[in-house]
């Protein structure tokens, strides 16, 4: 969970880079990106299911957030919704970056 403290972000995109490991390991498979202004409740701003774009060694991909209403959030998080590619509940990434307008 990322807390932008005294700021809010209007998210437009995010990039995720997989960790340093072989394909079909603990790479993310299905997840949601969620936003909140008070850390509860959370709104889904993007969802990926059975996404193979990160299933490999240090792979990076950028995803678009369909934020038509330009909603602002203080908190953003990435939450796993299905086991990773090796069937475990481990969730491992190298990095994540959010892009948008900071308010």
C-alpha atoms as a PDB file:
ATOM      1  CA  UNK A   1       0.000   0.000   0.000  1.00  0.00           C
ATOM      2  CA  UNK A   2       1.330   3.414  -0.966  1.00  0.00           C
ATOM      3  CA  UNK A   3       0.333   6.448   1.096  1.00  0.00           C
ATOM      4  CA  UNK A   4       0.788   9.728  -0.751  1.00  0.00           C
ATOM      5  CA  UNK A   5       0.476  11.495   2.662  1.00  0.00           C
ATOM      6  CA  UNK A   6      -0.723  15.073   2.177  1.00  0.00           C
ATOM      7  CA  UNK A   7      -1.162  14.558  -1.568  1.00  0.00           C
ATOM      8  CA  UNK A   8      -3.609  12.670  -3.756  1.00  0.00           C
ATOM      9  CA  UNK A   9      -2.972  11.064  -7.116  1.00  0.00           C
ATOM     10  CA  UNK A  10      -5.199  10.824 -10.154  1.00  0.00           C
ATOM     11  CA  UNK A  11      -3.836   7.489 -11.418  1.00  0.00           C
ATOM     12  CA  UNK A  12      -3.553   6.900 -15.172  1.00  0.00           C
ATOM     13  CA  UNK A  13      -1.015   4.061 -15.552  1.00  0.00           C
ATOM     14  CA  UNK A  14       1.247   1.802 -13.544  1.00  0.00           C
ATOM     15  CA  UNK A  15       4.283  -0.311 -14.382  1.00  0.00           C
ATOM     16  CA  UNK A  16       5.268  -3.555 -12.691  1.00  0.00           C
ATOM     17  CA  UNK A  17       8.585  -5.363 -13.030  1.00  0.00           C
ATOM     18  CA  UNK A  18       8.778  -9.064 -12.160  1.00  0.00           C
ATOM     19  CA  UNK A  19      11.414 -10.367  -9.771  1.00  0.00           C
ATOM     20  CA  UNK A  20      14.621 -12.164 -10.733  1.00  0.00           C
ATOM     21  CA  UNK A  21      13.391 -15.749 -11.179  1.00  0.00           C
ATOM     22  CA  UNK A  22      12.516 -18.293 -13.858  1.00  0.00           C
ATOM     23  CA  UNK A  23       9.099 -18.422 -15.576  1.00  0.00           C
ATOM     24  CA  UNK A  24       6.276 -20.231 -13.762  1.00  0.00           C
ATOM     25  CA  UNK A  25       7.613 -19.196 -10.374  1.00  0.00           C
ATOM     26  CA  UNK A  26       6.163 -16.663  -7.881  1.00  0.00           C
ATOM     27  CA  UNK A  27       5.353 -14.074 -10.555  1.00  0.00           C
ATOM     28  CA  UNK A  28       2.007 -12.206 -10.318  1.00  0.00           C
ATOM     29  CA  UNK A  29      -0.802 -13.811 -12.278  1.00  0.00           C
ATOM     30  CA  UNK A  30      -4.043 -12.082 -11.259  1.00  0.00           C
ATOM     31  CA  UNK A  31      -4.377  -8.888  -9.238  1.00  0.00           C
ATOM     32  CA  UNK A  32      -6.264  -5.675  -8.673  1.00  0.00           C
ATOM     33  CA  UNK A  33      -5.049  -2.130  -8.186  1.00  0.00           C
ATOM     34  CA  UNK A  34      -7.200  -0.431  -5.583  1.00  0.00           C
ATOM     35  CA  UNK A  35      -7.533   3.169  -4.441  1.00  0.00           C
ATOM     36  CA  UNK A  36      -8.809   4.706  -1.214  1.00  0.00           C
ATOM     37  CA  UNK A  37      -8.820   8.049   0.539  1.00  0.00           C
ATOM     38  CA  UNK A  38      -9.009   6.762   4.116  1.00  0.00           C
ATOM     39  CA  UNK A  39      -7.495   3.241   3.837  1.00  0.00           C
ATOM     40  CA  UNK A  40     -11.003   1.736   3.993  1.00  0.00           C
ATOM     41  CA  UNK A  41     -13.063   1.065   1.858  1.00  0.00           C
ATOM     42  CA  UNK A  42     -11.103   0.318  -1.312  1.00  0.00           C
ATOM     43  CA  UNK A  43     -12.211   0.805  -4.938  1.00  0.00           C
ATOM     44  CA  UNK A  44     -10.866  -1.336  -7.762  1.00  0.00           C
ATOM     45  CA  UNK A  45      -9.267   0.900 -10.401  1.00  0.00           C
ATOM     46  CA  UNK A  46      -7.723  -1.889 -12.517  1.00  0.00           C
ATOM     47  CA  UNK A  47      -7.964  -5.673 -12.668  1.00  0.00           C
ATOM     48  CA  UNK A  48      -5.757  -8.210 -14.436  1.00  0.00           C
ATOM     49  CA  UNK A  49      -6.644 -11.915 -14.717  1.00  0.00           C
ATOM     50  CA  UNK A  50      -4.274 -14.654 -15.888  1.00  0.00           C
ATOM     51  CA  UNK A  51      -1.840 -12.006 -17.118  1.00  0.00           C
ATOM     52  CA  UNK A  52       1.302 -13.708 -18.453  1.00  0.00           C
ATOM     53  CA  UNK A  53       3.182 -10.462 -19.205  1.00  0.00           C
ATOM     54  CA  UNK A  54       5.147 -10.702 -15.916  1.00  0.00           C
ATOM     55  CA  UNK A  55       5.747 -14.469 -15.958  1.00  0.00           C
ATOM     56  CA  UNK A  56       9.530 -14.426 -16.356  1.00  0.00           C
ATOM     57  CA  UNK A  57      12.826 -12.976 -15.223  1.00  0.00           C
ATOM     58  CA  UNK A  58      12.748  -9.167 -14.734  1.00  0.00           C
ATOM     59  CA  UNK A  59       9.928  -8.567 -17.222  1.00  0.00           C
ATOM     60  CA  UNK A  60       8.286  -5.127 -17.132  1.00  0.00           C
ATOM     61  CA  UNK A  61       4.883  -4.082 -18.364  1.00  0.00           C
ATOM     62  CA  UNK A  62       2.775  -0.930 -18.158  1.00  0.00           C
ATOM     63  CA  UNK A  63      -0.986  -1.078 -17.599  1.00  0.00           C
ATOM     64  CA  UNK A  64      -3.588   1.628 -18.205  1.00  0.00           C
ATOM     65  CA  UNK A  65      -6.024   2.663 -15.488  1.00  0.00           C
ATOM     66  CA  UNK A  66      -9.421   3.622 -16.892  1.00  0.00           C
ATOM     67  CA  UNK A  67     -10.026   6.590 -14.571  1.00  0.00           C
ATOM     68  CA  UNK A  68     -12.591   8.431 -16.696  1.00  0.00           C
ATOM     69  CA  UNK A  69     -13.877  10.496 -13.749  1.00  0.00           C
ATOM     70  CA  UNK A  70     -10.333  11.558 -12.752  1.00  0.00           C
ATOM     71  CA  UNK A  71     -10.880  10.290  -9.216  1.00  0.00           C
ATOM     72  CA  UNK A  72      -8.185  11.228  -6.725  1.00  0.00           C
ATOM     73  CA  UNK A  73      -6.773   8.795  -4.169  1.00  0.00           C
ATOM     74  CA  UNK A  74      -4.476   9.168  -1.181  1.00  0.00           C
ATOM     75  CA  UNK A  75      -3.743   5.414  -1.063  1.00  0.00           C
ATOM     76  CA  UNK A  76      -3.021   2.926  -3.868  1.00  0.00           C
ATOM     77  CA  UNK A  77      -2.297  -0.761  -3.479  1.00  0.00           C
ATOM     78  CA  UNK A  78      -1.736  -3.899  -5.536  1.00  0.00           C
ATOM     79  CA  UNK A  79      -3.551  -6.979  -4.198  1.00  0.00           C
ATOM     80  CA  UNK A  80      -3.162 -10.535  -5.487  1.00  0.00           C
ATOM     81  CA  UNK A  81      -6.502 -12.196  -6.346  1.00  0.00           C
ATOM     82  CA  UNK A  82      -5.302 -15.663  -7.457  1.00  0.00           C
ATOM     83  CA  UNK A  83      -2.289 -17.824  -6.719  1.00  0.00           C
ATOM     84  CA  UNK A  84       0.858 -16.991  -8.658  1.00  0.00           C
ATOM     85  CA  UNK A  85       2.170 -19.018 -11.614  1.00  0.00           C
ATOM     86  CA  UNK A  86       3.633 -21.804  -9.444  1.00  0.00           C
ATOM     87  CA  UNK A  87       0.365 -22.251  -7.531  1.00  0.00           C
ATOM     88  CA  UNK A  88       1.558 -20.745  -4.249  1.00  0.00           C
ATOM     89  CA  UNK A  89       0.182 -17.663  -2.529  1.00  0.00           C
ATOM     90  CA  UNK A  90       3.551 -15.899  -2.590  1.00  0.00           C
ATOM     91  CA  UNK A  91       3.518 -12.497  -4.235  1.00  0.00           C
ATOM     92  CA  UNK A  92       6.845 -11.207  -5.436  1.00  0.00           C
ATOM     93  CA  UNK A  93       7.705  -8.282  -7.704  1.00  0.00           C
ATOM     94  CA  UNK A  94      10.859  -6.270  -8.299  1.00  0.00           C
ATOM     95  CA  UNK A  95       9.155  -2.874  -8.476  1.00  0.00           C
ATOM     96  CA  UNK A  96       5.957  -0.961  -9.130  1.00  0.00           C
ATOM     97  CA  UNK A  97       5.536   2.623 -10.341  1.00  0.00           C
ATOM     98  CA  UNK A  98       2.355   4.687 -10.518  1.00  0.00           C
ATOM     99  CA  UNK A  99       1.829   7.443 -13.099  1.00  0.00           C
ATOM    100  CA  UNK A 100      -0.736  10.219 -13.056  1.00  0.00           C
ATOM    101  CA  UNK A 101      -1.309  13.697 -11.684  1.00  0.00           C
ATOM    102  CA  UNK A 102      -0.276  14.528  -8.126  1.00  0.00           C
ATOM    103  CA  UNK A 103      -2.589  16.960  -6.360  1.00  0.00           C
END
